[in-house]
């Protein structure tokens, strides 16, 4: 390589580095305009910018792959540490009985999507409390009660489950234990009677002073599902499902498409709901409802590849029965 050529290569590399740095700064300033961090010390500001830079590099690399089945984007998780992300989770791996796998003889629809159903309440945000299990459990109860009684969904109290169900509140829990508690203690209060605070509190539930929105069957408070056919059958019967997933890191920044990433992380255990199924460009998916607000993902939802038990989404699926 001649001296002149070497100099040109160096200059091009420097220019490329400066361009990448400028692009990062533009992306960072845009992020701050959408997700203000408030007053920060110089050290904290630098730390958050460093986390953003790492996330930005992953997003750019992923989205530049034309074969990627889903797209990623920046959101509130882009500047969070691993421990801060864990606080927004809260599922515990359940133990379930052995299941007898039987194929359904029922003719099932090719697709179901309850996202716009009057019985599915608006996506909520669990905030900085590991209470995903209460939101997942509550959504199943709300939907089931509405389908049984007619009308529109009524918001029920996740905070009651955080405070009263004797699981671990903001430190995690199981949906079926939430249903067991509800079946034995008079039902679930309306959100208006027992509002969500995103912190552990003293149990204030009272059947005499609070409006009770739904009651769960004491004899069949949990119905383990566990297979694709049975999940589809439950959905076709007018119910939705609670599911358990060990999330890959890429999940936090999901934007659109059918999510598929097999690098499941055991410490990222999360509870959500399956509210439908379908196919996109020949890829089967579940419609999954999250509890990170409507600003996350596809208006609070994510499409997850169906039929491969991705990160245990199918294996631990379950639902409940409403009185």
C-alpha atoms as a PDB file:
ATOM      1  CA  UNK A   1       0.000   0.000   0.000  1.00  0.00           C
ATOM      2  CA  UNK A   2       1.407   3.371  -1.014  1.00  0.00           C
ATOM      3  CA  UNK A   3       1.803   6.241   1.405  1.00  0.00           C
ATOM      4  CA  UNK A   4      -0.910   8.260  -0.306  1.00  0.00           C
ATOM      5  CA  UNK A   5      -3.356   5.329  -0.286  1.00  0.00           C
ATOM      6  CA  UNK A   6      -2.654   4.717   3.392  1.00  0.00           C
ATOM      7  CA  UNK A   7      -3.432   8.343   4.236  1.00  0.00           C
ATOM      8  CA  UNK A   8      -6.677   8.197   2.251  1.00  0.00           C
ATOM      9  CA  UNK A   9      -7.763   5.039   4.089  1.00  0.00           C
ATOM     10  CA  UNK A  10      -7.030   6.649   7.452  1.00  0.00           C
ATOM     11  CA  UNK A  11      -8.963   9.787   6.496  1.00  0.00           C
ATOM     12  CA  UNK A  12     -11.933   7.737   5.324  1.00  0.00           C
ATOM     13  CA  UNK A  13     -11.950   5.765   8.572  1.00  0.00           C
ATOM     14  CA  UNK A  14     -11.835   8.991  10.587  1.00  0.00           C
ATOM     15  CA  UNK A  15     -14.654  10.476   8.523  1.00  0.00           C
ATOM     16  CA  UNK A  16     -16.751   7.361   9.007  1.00  0.00           C
ATOM     17  CA  UNK A  17     -16.134   7.479  12.749  1.00  0.00           C
ATOM     18  CA  UNK A  18     -17.107  11.153  12.913  1.00  0.00           C
ATOM     19  CA  UNK A  19     -20.255  10.443  10.908  1.00  0.00           C
ATOM     20  CA  UNK A  20     -21.240   7.595  13.237  1.00  0.00           C
ATOM     21  CA  UNK A  21     -20.576   9.813  16.253  1.00  0.00           C
ATOM     22  CA  UNK A  22     -22.746  12.564  14.775  1.00  0.00           C
ATOM     23  CA  UNK A  23     -25.542  10.069  14.054  1.00  0.00           C
ATOM     24  CA  UNK A  24     -25.366   8.820  17.642  1.00  0.00           C
ATOM     25  CA  UNK A  25     -25.586  12.363  19.015  1.00  0.00           C
ATOM     26  CA  UNK A  26     -28.630  13.118  16.854  1.00  0.00           C
ATOM     27  CA  UNK A  27     -30.287   9.900  18.041  1.00  0.00           C
ATOM     28  CA  UNK A  28     -29.421  10.707  21.668  1.00  0.00           C
ATOM     29  CA  UNK A  29     -30.888  14.209  21.512  1.00  0.00           C
ATOM     30  CA  UNK A  30     -34.024  12.862  19.842  1.00  0.00           C
ATOM     31  CA  UNK A  31     -34.311  10.253  22.593  1.00  0.00           C
ATOM     32  CA  UNK A  32     -34.018  12.894  25.320  1.00  0.00           C
ATOM     33  CA  UNK A  33     -36.797  14.918  23.697  1.00  0.00           C
ATOM     34  CA  UNK A  34     -39.102  11.890  23.841  1.00  0.00           C
ATOM     35  CA  UNK A  35     -37.945  10.409  27.146  1.00  0.00           C
ATOM     36  CA  UNK A  36     -36.777  13.292  29.377  1.00  0.00           C
ATOM     37  CA  UNK A  37     -34.584  12.156  32.251  1.00  0.00           C
ATOM     38  CA  UNK A  38     -34.897  15.280  34.389  1.00  0.00           C
ATOM     39  CA  UNK A  39     -31.991  16.752  36.300  1.00  0.00           C
ATOM     40  CA  UNK A  40     -28.961  14.453  36.243  1.00  0.00           C
ATOM     41  CA  UNK A  41     -25.457  14.698  37.644  1.00  0.00           C
ATOM     42  CA  UNK A  42     -22.678  14.742  35.067  1.00  0.00           C
ATOM     43  CA  UNK A  43     -21.725  11.193  36.050  1.00  0.00           C
ATOM     44  CA  UNK A  44     -25.289   9.892  35.820  1.00  0.00           C
ATOM     45  CA  UNK A  45     -25.830  11.637  32.483  1.00  0.00           C
ATOM     46  CA  UNK A  46     -22.697  10.012  31.104  1.00  0.00           C
ATOM     47  CA  UNK A  47     -23.770   6.615  32.422  1.00  0.00           C
ATOM     48  CA  UNK A  48     -27.198   6.845  30.776  1.00  0.00           C
ATOM     49  CA  UNK A  49     -25.685   8.028  27.511  1.00  0.00           C
ATOM     50  CA  UNK A  50     -23.284   5.087  27.561  1.00  0.00           C
ATOM     51  CA  UNK A  51     -26.183   2.654  28.059  1.00  0.00           C
ATOM     52  CA  UNK A  52     -28.036   4.358  25.217  1.00  0.00           C
ATOM     53  CA  UNK A  53     -25.003   4.056  22.965  1.00  0.00           C
ATOM     54  CA  UNK A  54     -24.814   0.301  23.568  1.00  0.00           C
ATOM     55  CA  UNK A  55     -28.535  -0.110  22.902  1.00  0.00           C
ATOM     56  CA  UNK A  56     -28.336   2.087  19.806  1.00  0.00           C
ATOM     57  CA  UNK A  57     -25.569  -0.044  18.326  1.00  0.00           C
ATOM     58  CA  UNK A  58     -27.627  -3.209  18.865  1.00  0.00           C
ATOM     59  CA  UNK A  59     -30.729  -1.659  17.316  1.00  0.00           C
ATOM     60  CA  UNK A  60     -28.885  -0.321  14.260  1.00  0.00           C
ATOM     61  CA  UNK A  61     -27.157  -3.668  13.695  1.00  0.00           C
ATOM     62  CA  UNK A  62     -30.379  -5.636  14.097  1.00  0.00           C
ATOM     63  CA  UNK A  63     -32.544  -3.386  11.921  1.00  0.00           C
ATOM     64  CA  UNK A  64     -29.941  -3.318   9.141  1.00  0.00           C
ATOM     65  CA  UNK A  65     -30.417  -7.071   8.700  1.00  0.00           C
ATOM     66  CA  UNK A  66     -33.025  -7.396   5.957  1.00  0.00           C
ATOM     67  CA  UNK A  67     -33.755 -10.960   7.064  1.00  0.00           C
ATOM     68  CA  UNK A  68     -34.633  -9.991  10.649  1.00  0.00           C
ATOM     69  CA  UNK A  69     -38.213 -11.113  11.424  1.00  0.00           C
ATOM     70  CA  UNK A  70     -38.913  -8.128  13.678  1.00  0.00           C
ATOM     71  CA  UNK A  71     -37.783  -4.541  14.124  1.00  0.00           C
ATOM     72  CA  UNK A  72     -36.435  -2.806  17.217  1.00  0.00           C
ATOM     73  CA  UNK A  73     -36.690   0.781  18.448  1.00  0.00           C
ATOM     74  CA  UNK A  74     -35.661   3.028  21.303  1.00  0.00           C
ATOM     75  CA  UNK A  75     -37.962   3.288  24.314  1.00  0.00           C
ATOM     76  CA  UNK A  76     -37.682   3.809  28.064  1.00  0.00           C
ATOM     77  CA  UNK A  77     -35.601   0.627  28.382  1.00  0.00           C
ATOM     78  CA  UNK A  78     -32.801   2.013  26.190  1.00  0.00           C
ATOM     79  CA  UNK A  79     -31.070   3.687  29.139  1.00  0.00           C
ATOM     80  CA  UNK A  80     -31.855   1.126  31.838  1.00  0.00           C
ATOM     81  CA  UNK A  81     -29.410  -1.189  33.561  1.00  0.00           C
ATOM     82  CA  UNK A  82     -30.077  -4.929  33.721  1.00  0.00           C
ATOM     83  CA  UNK A  83     -31.330  -4.627  37.308  1.00  0.00           C
ATOM     84  CA  UNK A  84     -33.668  -1.765  36.393  1.00  0.00           C
ATOM     85  CA  UNK A  85     -35.180  -3.874  33.628  1.00  0.00           C
ATOM     86  CA  UNK A  86     -35.772  -6.760  36.032  1.00  0.00           C
ATOM     87  CA  UNK A  87     -37.894  -4.485  38.221  1.00  0.00           C
ATOM     88  CA  UNK A  88     -40.347  -4.186  35.290  1.00  0.00           C
ATOM     89  CA  UNK A  89     -40.855  -7.962  35.225  1.00  0.00           C
ATOM     90  CA  UNK A  90     -41.870 -10.146  38.180  1.00  0.00           C
ATOM     91  CA  UNK A  91     -42.963 -13.582  36.962  1.00  0.00           C
ATOM     92  CA  UNK A  92     -41.961 -16.721  38.811  1.00  0.00           C
ATOM     93  CA  UNK A  93     -41.584 -20.009  36.966  1.00  0.00           C
ATOM     94  CA  UNK A  94     -44.650 -22.075  37.839  1.00  0.00           C
ATOM     95  CA  UNK A  95     -44.844 -25.732  38.671  1.00  0.00           C
ATOM     96  CA  UNK A  96     -47.634 -27.461  36.843  1.00  0.00           C
ATOM     97  CA  UNK A  97     -49.030 -30.986  36.730  1.00  0.00           C
ATOM     98  CA  UNK A  98     -48.212 -33.300  33.843  1.00  0.00           C
ATOM     99  CA  UNK A  99     -50.527 -32.584  30.950  1.00  0.00           C
ATOM    100  CA  UNK A 100     -52.194 -35.056  28.611  1.00  0.00           C
ATOM    101  CA  UNK A 101     -51.623 -33.713  25.106  1.00  0.00           C
ATOM    102  CA  UNK A 102     -54.695 -34.231  22.972  1.00  0.00           C
ATOM    103  CA  UNK A 103     -55.422 -32.690  19.602  1.00  0.00           C
ATOM    104  CA  UNK A 104     -58.659 -30.756  19.391  1.00  0.00           C
ATOM    105  CA  UNK A 105     -61.396 -32.219  17.195  1.00  0.00           C
ATOM    106  CA  UNK A 106     -63.020 -28.796  17.031  1.00  0.00           C
ATOM    107  CA  UNK A 107     -62.699 -26.786  13.839  1.00  0.00           C
ATOM    108  CA  UNK A 108     -60.726 -23.733  14.953  1.00  0.00           C
ATOM    109  CA  UNK A 109     -60.628 -20.336  13.237  1.00  0.00           C
ATOM    110  CA  UNK A 110     -57.513 -19.571  11.184  1.00  0.00           C
ATOM    111  CA  UNK A 111     -57.036 -16.429  13.273  1.00  0.00           C
ATOM    112  CA  UNK A 112     -58.405 -14.701  16.369  1.00  0.00           C
ATOM    113  CA  UNK A 113     -57.550 -11.201  17.571  1.00  0.00           C
ATOM    114  CA  UNK A 114     -59.161  -9.762  20.697  1.00  0.00           C
ATOM    115  CA  UNK A 115     -57.135  -6.529  20.719  1.00  0.00           C
ATOM    116  CA  UNK A 116     -60.166  -4.492  19.654  1.00  0.00           C
ATOM    117  CA  UNK A 117     -62.743  -6.568  21.540  1.00  0.00           C
ATOM    118  CA  UNK A 118     -64.946  -4.571  23.920  1.00  0.00           C
ATOM    119  CA  UNK A 119     -64.126  -7.050  26.683  1.00  0.00           C
ATOM    120  CA  UNK A 120     -60.384  -6.359  26.602  1.00  0.00           C
ATOM    121  CA  UNK A 121     -59.488  -3.318  28.690  1.00  0.00           C
ATOM    122  CA  UNK A 122     -56.844  -0.787  27.665  1.00  0.00           C
ATOM    123  CA  UNK A 123     -53.195  -1.814  28.029  1.00  0.00           C
ATOM    124  CA  UNK A 124     -51.860  -0.732  31.405  1.00  0.00           C
ATOM    125  CA  UNK A 125     -48.397   0.020  32.773  1.00  0.00           C
ATOM    126  CA  UNK A 126     -47.043  -1.826  35.803  1.00  0.00           C
ATOM    127  CA  UNK A 127     -44.302   0.777  36.277  1.00  0.00           C
ATOM    128  CA  UNK A 128     -41.378   0.096  38.576  1.00  0.00           C
ATOM    129  CA  UNK A 129     -42.999  -2.810  40.401  1.00  0.00           C
ATOM    130  CA  UNK A 130     -42.446  -6.482  39.587  1.00  0.00           C
ATOM    131  CA  UNK A 131     -46.179  -7.058  39.358  1.00  0.00           C
ATOM    132  CA  UNK A 132     -46.547  -8.389  35.808  1.00  0.00           C
ATOM    133  CA  UNK A 133     -48.200 -11.488  37.273  1.00  0.00           C
ATOM    134  CA  UNK A 134     -51.033  -9.385  38.741  1.00  0.00           C
ATOM    135  CA  UNK A 135     -51.677  -7.657  35.407  1.00  0.00           C
ATOM    136  CA  UNK A 136     -51.642 -10.948  33.533  1.00  0.00           C
ATOM    137  CA  UNK A 137     -53.974 -12.598  36.057  1.00  0.00           C
ATOM    138  CA  UNK A 138     -56.301  -9.591  36.156  1.00  0.00           C
ATOM    139  CA  UNK A 139     -56.638  -9.326  32.375  1.00  0.00           C
ATOM    140  CA  UNK A 140     -57.870 -12.934  32.244  1.00  0.00           C
ATOM    141  CA  UNK A 141     -60.438 -12.250  34.975  1.00  0.00           C
ATOM    142  CA  UNK A 142     -61.618  -8.977  33.395  1.00  0.00           C
ATOM    143  CA  UNK A 143     -62.043 -10.558  29.975  1.00  0.00           C
ATOM    144  CA  UNK A 144     -63.753 -13.680  31.303  1.00  0.00           C
ATOM    145  CA  UNK A 145     -66.190 -11.703  33.445  1.00  0.00           C
ATOM    146  CA  UNK A 146     -67.086  -9.404  30.556  1.00  0.00           C
ATOM    147  CA  UNK A 147     -67.695 -12.319  28.182  1.00  0.00           C
ATOM    148  CA  UNK A 148     -69.869 -13.997  30.800  1.00  0.00           C
ATOM    149  CA  UNK A 149     -71.888 -10.921  31.742  1.00  0.00           C
ATOM    150  CA  UNK A 150     -71.842  -8.987  28.472  1.00  0.00           C
ATOM    151  CA  UNK A 151     -71.086  -5.319  27.949  1.00  0.00           C
ATOM    152  CA  UNK A 152     -67.591  -3.869  28.134  1.00  0.00           C
ATOM    153  CA  UNK A 153     -64.538  -4.614  30.234  1.00  0.00           C
ATOM    154  CA  UNK A 154     -64.391  -3.283  33.773  1.00  0.00           C
ATOM    155  CA  UNK A 155     -60.992  -2.404  35.210  1.00  0.00           C
ATOM    156  CA  UNK A 156     -60.199  -4.543  38.242  1.00  0.00           C
ATOM    157  CA  UNK A 157     -57.607  -4.049  40.972  1.00  0.00           C
ATOM    158  CA  UNK A 158     -54.078  -5.331  40.446  1.00  0.00           C
ATOM    159  CA  UNK A 159     -53.114  -3.582  43.683  1.00  0.00           C
ATOM    160  CA  UNK A 160     -55.378  -5.905  45.655  1.00  0.00           C
ATOM    161  CA  UNK A 161     -53.281  -8.819  44.415  1.00  0.00           C
ATOM    162  CA  UNK A 162     -50.019  -7.003  45.185  1.00  0.00           C
ATOM    163  CA  UNK A 163     -51.122  -6.248  48.758  1.00  0.00           C
ATOM    164  CA  UNK A 164     -53.305  -9.184  49.719  1.00  0.00           C
ATOM    165  CA  UNK A 165     -52.550 -12.394  47.846  1.00  0.00           C
ATOM    166  CA  UNK A 166     -49.649 -13.413  50.086  1.00  0.00           C
ATOM    167  CA  UNK A 167     -47.298 -14.017  47.185  1.00  0.00           C
ATOM    168  CA  UNK A 168     -44.427 -11.534  46.807  1.00  0.00           C
ATOM    169  CA  UNK A 169     -46.123  -8.369  45.615  1.00  0.00           C
ATOM    170  CA  UNK A 170     -43.700  -6.192  43.685  1.00  0.00           C
ATOM    171  CA  UNK A 171     -41.065  -8.916  44.009  1.00  0.00           C
ATOM    172  CA  UNK A 172     -42.948 -11.362  41.805  1.00  0.00           C
ATOM    173  CA  UNK A 173     -45.598 -14.054  41.835  1.00  0.00           C
ATOM    174  CA  UNK A 174     -47.754 -16.538  39.923  1.00  0.00           C
ATOM    175  CA  UNK A 175     -51.039 -15.866  38.157  1.00  0.00           C
ATOM    176  CA  UNK A 176     -52.641 -19.113  39.319  1.00  0.00           C
ATOM    177  CA  UNK A 177     -51.890 -18.202  42.940  1.00  0.00           C
ATOM    178  CA  UNK A 178     -53.604 -14.863  42.335  1.00  0.00           C
ATOM    179  CA  UNK A 179     -56.688 -16.702  41.062  1.00  0.00           C
ATOM    180  CA  UNK A 180     -56.560 -19.085  44.025  1.00  0.00           C
ATOM    181  CA  UNK A 181     -56.554 -16.100  46.385  1.00  0.00           C
ATOM    182  CA  UNK A 182     -59.489 -14.489  44.552  1.00  0.00           C
ATOM    183  CA  UNK A 183     -61.504 -17.715  44.651  1.00  0.00           C
ATOM    184  CA  UNK A 184     -61.082 -17.973  48.428  1.00  0.00           C
ATOM    185  CA  UNK A 185     -61.513 -14.334  49.416  1.00  0.00           C
ATOM    186  CA  UNK A 186     -64.649 -13.001  47.802  1.00  0.00           C
ATOM    187  CA  UNK A 187     -63.387 -11.919  44.405  1.00  0.00           C
ATOM    188  CA  UNK A 188     -61.548  -8.987  42.859  1.00  0.00           C
ATOM    189  CA  UNK A 189     -62.317  -5.362  43.642  1.00  0.00           C
ATOM    190  CA  UNK A 190     -62.869  -2.737  40.990  1.00  0.00           C
ATOM    191  CA  UNK A 191     -59.860  -0.552  40.195  1.00  0.00           C
ATOM    192  CA  UNK A 192     -61.914   2.453  41.312  1.00  0.00           C
ATOM    193  CA  UNK A 193     -62.217   0.906  44.791  1.00  0.00           C
ATOM    194  CA  UNK A 194     -58.575  -0.152  45.140  1.00  0.00           C
ATOM    195  CA  UNK A 195     -56.296   1.870  42.868  1.00  0.00           C
ATOM    196  CA  UNK A 196     -52.863   0.791  41.661  1.00  0.00           C
ATOM    197  CA  UNK A 197     -49.855   2.403  43.388  1.00  0.00           C
ATOM    198  CA  UNK A 198     -46.954   0.269  42.061  1.00  0.00           C
ATOM    199  CA  UNK A 199     -45.618  -0.334  45.594  1.00  0.00           C
ATOM    200  CA  UNK A 200     -46.252  -2.994  48.235  1.00  0.00           C
ATOM    201  CA  UNK A 201     -48.918  -1.935  50.703  1.00  0.00           C
ATOM    202  CA  UNK A 202     -51.083  -3.189  53.556  1.00  0.00           C
ATOM    203  CA  UNK A 203     -54.095  -5.172  52.422  1.00  0.00           C
ATOM    204  CA  UNK A 204     -57.234  -2.990  52.457  1.00  0.00           C
ATOM    205  CA  UNK A 205     -59.615  -5.324  50.654  1.00  0.00           C
ATOM    206  CA  UNK A 206     -63.136  -5.563  52.036  1.00  0.00           C
ATOM    207  CA  UNK A 207     -66.168  -7.174  50.433  1.00  0.00           C
ATOM    208  CA  UNK A 208     -68.436  -4.943  52.517  1.00  0.00           C
ATOM    209  CA  UNK A 209     -66.959  -1.579  51.522  1.00  0.00           C
ATOM    210  CA  UNK A 210     -65.597  -2.182  48.018  1.00  0.00           C
ATOM    211  CA  UNK A 211     -67.242  -2.800  44.680  1.00  0.00           C
ATOM    212  CA  UNK A 212     -66.536  -6.404  43.636  1.00  0.00           C
ATOM    213  CA  UNK A 213     -65.977  -6.727  39.917  1.00  0.00           C
ATOM    214  CA  UNK A 214     -65.588 -10.488  39.469  1.00  0.00           C
ATOM    215  CA  UNK A 215     -65.399 -13.794  41.305  1.00  0.00           C
ATOM    216  CA  UNK A 216     -63.274 -16.812  40.404  1.00  0.00           C
ATOM    217  CA  UNK A 217     -64.388 -20.437  40.583  1.00  0.00           C
ATOM    218  CA  UNK A 218     -63.158 -22.155  43.753  1.00  0.00           C
ATOM    219  CA  UNK A 219     -63.287 -25.610  42.159  1.00  0.00           C
ATOM    220  CA  UNK A 220     -61.543 -24.649  38.897  1.00  0.00           C
ATOM    221  CA  UNK A 221     -59.497 -21.553  39.652  1.00  0.00           C
ATOM    222  CA  UNK A 222     -56.712 -22.690  37.325  1.00  0.00           C
ATOM    223  CA  UNK A 223     -56.897 -24.534  34.028  1.00  0.00           C
ATOM    224  CA  UNK A 224     -53.481 -25.579  32.738  1.00  0.00           C
ATOM    225  CA  UNK A 225     -53.291 -25.443  28.949  1.00  0.00           C
ATOM    226  CA  UNK A 226     -49.736 -25.997  27.717  1.00  0.00           C
ATOM    227  CA  UNK A 227     -50.128 -26.839  24.014  1.00  0.00           C
ATOM    228  CA  UNK A 228     -50.752 -24.881  20.829  1.00  0.00           C
ATOM    229  CA  UNK A 229     -54.031 -26.661  20.032  1.00  0.00           C
ATOM    230  CA  UNK A 230     -55.394 -26.203  23.542  1.00  0.00           C
ATOM    231  CA  UNK A 231     -54.345 -22.549  23.596  1.00  0.00           C
ATOM    232  CA  UNK A 232     -56.199 -21.949  20.334  1.00  0.00           C
ATOM    233  CA  UNK A 233     -59.210 -23.816  21.714  1.00  0.00           C
ATOM    234  CA  UNK A 234     -59.303 -21.636  24.839  1.00  0.00           C
ATOM    235  CA  UNK A 235     -59.131 -18.493  22.711  1.00  0.00           C
ATOM    236  CA  UNK A 236     -61.877 -19.769  20.417  1.00  0.00           C
ATOM    237  CA  UNK A 237     -64.073 -20.374  23.488  1.00  0.00           C
ATOM    238  CA  UNK A 238     -63.973 -16.667  24.351  1.00  0.00           C
ATOM    239  CA  UNK A 239     -61.228 -16.635  26.977  1.00  0.00           C
ATOM    240  CA  UNK A 240     -57.648 -15.391  27.023  1.00  0.00           C
ATOM    241  CA  UNK A 241     -54.481 -16.876  28.526  1.00  0.00           C
ATOM    242  CA  UNK A 242     -51.760 -16.043  30.998  1.00  0.00           C
ATOM    243  CA  UNK A 243     -48.299 -16.993  29.776  1.00  0.00           C
ATOM    244  CA  UNK A 244     -44.754 -17.128  31.171  1.00  0.00           C
ATOM    245  CA  UNK A 245     -41.691 -16.151  29.133  1.00  0.00           C
ATOM    246  CA  UNK A 246     -37.975 -15.902  29.813  1.00  0.00           C
ATOM    247  CA  UNK A 247     -37.301 -12.839  27.697  1.00  0.00           C
ATOM    248  CA  UNK A 248     -34.342 -12.340  25.357  1.00  0.00           C
ATOM    249  CA  UNK A 249     -32.634  -8.949  25.790  1.00  0.00           C
ATOM    250  CA  UNK A 250     -33.905  -7.828  22.373  1.00  0.00           C
ATOM    251  CA  UNK A 251     -37.505  -8.101  23.582  1.00  0.00           C
ATOM    252  CA  UNK A 252     -37.294  -4.891  25.596  1.00  0.00           C
ATOM    253  CA  UNK A 253     -36.829  -2.812  22.436  1.00  0.00           C
ATOM    254  CA  UNK A 254     -39.350  -4.617  20.210  1.00  0.00           C
ATOM    255  CA  UNK A 255     -41.166  -2.432  17.692  1.00  0.00           C
ATOM    256  CA  UNK A 256     -42.953  -4.533  15.074  1.00  0.00           C
ATOM    257  CA  UNK A 257     -42.955  -7.810  13.146  1.00  0.00           C
ATOM    258  CA  UNK A 258     -43.033 -11.361  14.505  1.00  0.00           C
ATOM    259  CA  UNK A 259     -40.668 -11.609  17.462  1.00  0.00           C
ATOM    260  CA  UNK A 260     -38.276 -14.548  17.297  1.00  0.00           C
ATOM    261  CA  UNK A 261     -35.077 -14.712  19.334  1.00  0.00           C
ATOM    262  CA  UNK A 262     -33.978 -17.919  21.038  1.00  0.00           C
ATOM    263  CA  UNK A 263     -31.477 -16.300  23.440  1.00  0.00           C
ATOM    264  CA  UNK A 264     -33.945 -16.580  26.339  1.00  0.00           C
ATOM    265  CA  UNK A 265     -32.727 -15.178  29.681  1.00  0.00           C
ATOM    266  CA  UNK A 266     -33.909 -16.976  32.842  1.00  0.00           C
ATOM    267  CA  UNK A 267     -33.491 -13.816  34.946  1.00  0.00           C
ATOM    268  CA  UNK A 268     -35.857 -11.940  32.627  1.00  0.00           C
ATOM    269  CA  UNK A 269     -38.986 -13.905  33.618  1.00  0.00           C
ATOM    270  CA  UNK A 270     -42.163 -12.115  32.595  1.00  0.00           C
ATOM    271  CA  UNK A 271     -45.908 -12.797  32.667  1.00  0.00           C
ATOM    272  CA  UNK A 272     -48.180 -11.554  29.875  1.00  0.00           C
ATOM    273  CA  UNK A 273     -51.366 -12.575  28.051  1.00  0.00           C
ATOM    274  CA  UNK A 274     -52.041 -14.311  24.762  1.00  0.00           C
ATOM    275  CA  UNK A 275     -55.124 -12.648  23.260  1.00  0.00           C
ATOM    276  CA  UNK A 276     -55.097 -14.047  19.738  1.00  0.00           C
ATOM    277  CA  UNK A 277     -53.212 -15.787  16.962  1.00  0.00           C
ATOM    278  CA  UNK A 278     -52.653 -15.508  13.230  1.00  0.00           C
ATOM    279  CA  UNK A 279     -49.965 -15.461  10.552  1.00  0.00           C
ATOM    280  CA  UNK A 280     -47.843 -12.759   8.920  1.00  0.00           C
ATOM    281  CA  UNK A 281     -45.980 -13.458   5.682  1.00  0.00           C
ATOM    282  CA  UNK A 282     -46.387 -17.160   6.304  1.00  0.00           C
ATOM    283  CA  UNK A 283     -45.103 -17.025   9.904  1.00  0.00           C
ATOM    284  CA  UNK A 284     -47.522 -18.177  12.621  1.00  0.00           C
ATOM    285  CA  UNK A 285     -47.731 -15.912  15.672  1.00  0.00           C
ATOM    286  CA  UNK A 286     -49.427 -15.321  18.998  1.00  0.00           C
ATOM    287  CA  UNK A 287     -50.864 -11.879  19.776  1.00  0.00           C
ATOM    288  CA  UNK A 288     -49.357 -11.058  23.170  1.00  0.00           C
ATOM    289  CA  UNK A 289     -50.514  -8.261  25.467  1.00  0.00           C
ATOM    290  CA  UNK A 290     -47.848  -6.693  27.677  1.00  0.00           C
ATOM    291  CA  UNK A 291     -48.126  -4.470  30.775  1.00  0.00           C
ATOM    292  CA  UNK A 292     -45.565  -1.791  29.871  1.00  0.00           C
ATOM    293  CA  UNK A 293     -48.060   0.772  28.591  1.00  0.00           C
ATOM    294  CA  UNK A 294     -49.409   1.505  25.122  1.00  0.00           C
ATOM    295  CA  UNK A 295     -46.208   3.322  24.134  1.00  0.00           C
ATOM    296  CA  UNK A 296     -44.220   0.086  24.128  1.00  0.00           C
ATOM    297  CA  UNK A 297     -44.051  -2.206  21.083  1.00  0.00           C
ATOM    298  CA  UNK A 298     -47.078  -2.250  18.787  1.00  0.00           C
ATOM    299  CA  UNK A 299     -49.416  -0.139  20.950  1.00  0.00           C
ATOM    300  CA  UNK A 300     -48.579  -2.299  23.976  1.00  0.00           C
ATOM    301  CA  UNK A 301     -48.651  -5.611  22.114  1.00  0.00           C
ATOM    302  CA  UNK A 302     -46.102  -7.942  20.515  1.00  0.00           C
ATOM    303  CA  UNK A 303     -46.465 -10.715  17.949  1.00  0.00           C
ATOM    304  CA  UNK A 304     -44.501 -13.786  19.097  1.00  0.00           C
ATOM    305  CA  UNK A 305     -43.691 -16.738  16.839  1.00  0.00           C
ATOM    306  CA  UNK A 306     -46.185 -19.530  17.425  1.00  0.00           C
ATOM    307  CA  UNK A 307     -45.636 -23.278  17.561  1.00  0.00           C
ATOM    308  CA  UNK A 308     -42.024 -23.366  18.770  1.00  0.00           C
ATOM    309  CA  UNK A 309     -42.619 -22.761  22.508  1.00  0.00           C
ATOM    310  CA  UNK A 310     -40.396 -19.697  22.258  1.00  0.00           C
ATOM    311  CA  UNK A 311     -38.898 -19.025  25.692  1.00  0.00           C
ATOM    312  CA  UNK A 312     -41.634 -21.229  27.253  1.00  0.00           C
ATOM    313  CA  UNK A 313     -44.570 -19.136  26.010  1.00  0.00           C
ATOM    314  CA  UNK A 314     -46.689 -22.235  25.326  1.00  0.00           C
ATOM    315  CA  UNK A 315     -45.517 -24.693  27.963  1.00  0.00           C
ATOM    316  CA  UNK A 316     -46.829 -22.774  30.996  1.00  0.00           C
ATOM    317  CA  UNK A 317     -49.965 -21.219  29.491  1.00  0.00           C
ATOM    318  CA  UNK A 318     -53.030 -21.250  31.737  1.00  0.00           C
ATOM    319  CA  UNK A 319     -56.400 -19.623  32.285  1.00  0.00           C
ATOM    320  CA  UNK A 320     -59.136 -19.426  34.911  1.00  0.00           C
ATOM    321  CA  UNK A 321     -62.896 -19.812  35.202  1.00  0.00           C
ATOM    322  CA  UNK A 322     -65.250 -17.056  36.293  1.00  0.00           C
ATOM    323  CA  UNK A 323     -68.288 -17.658  38.491  1.00  0.00           C
END
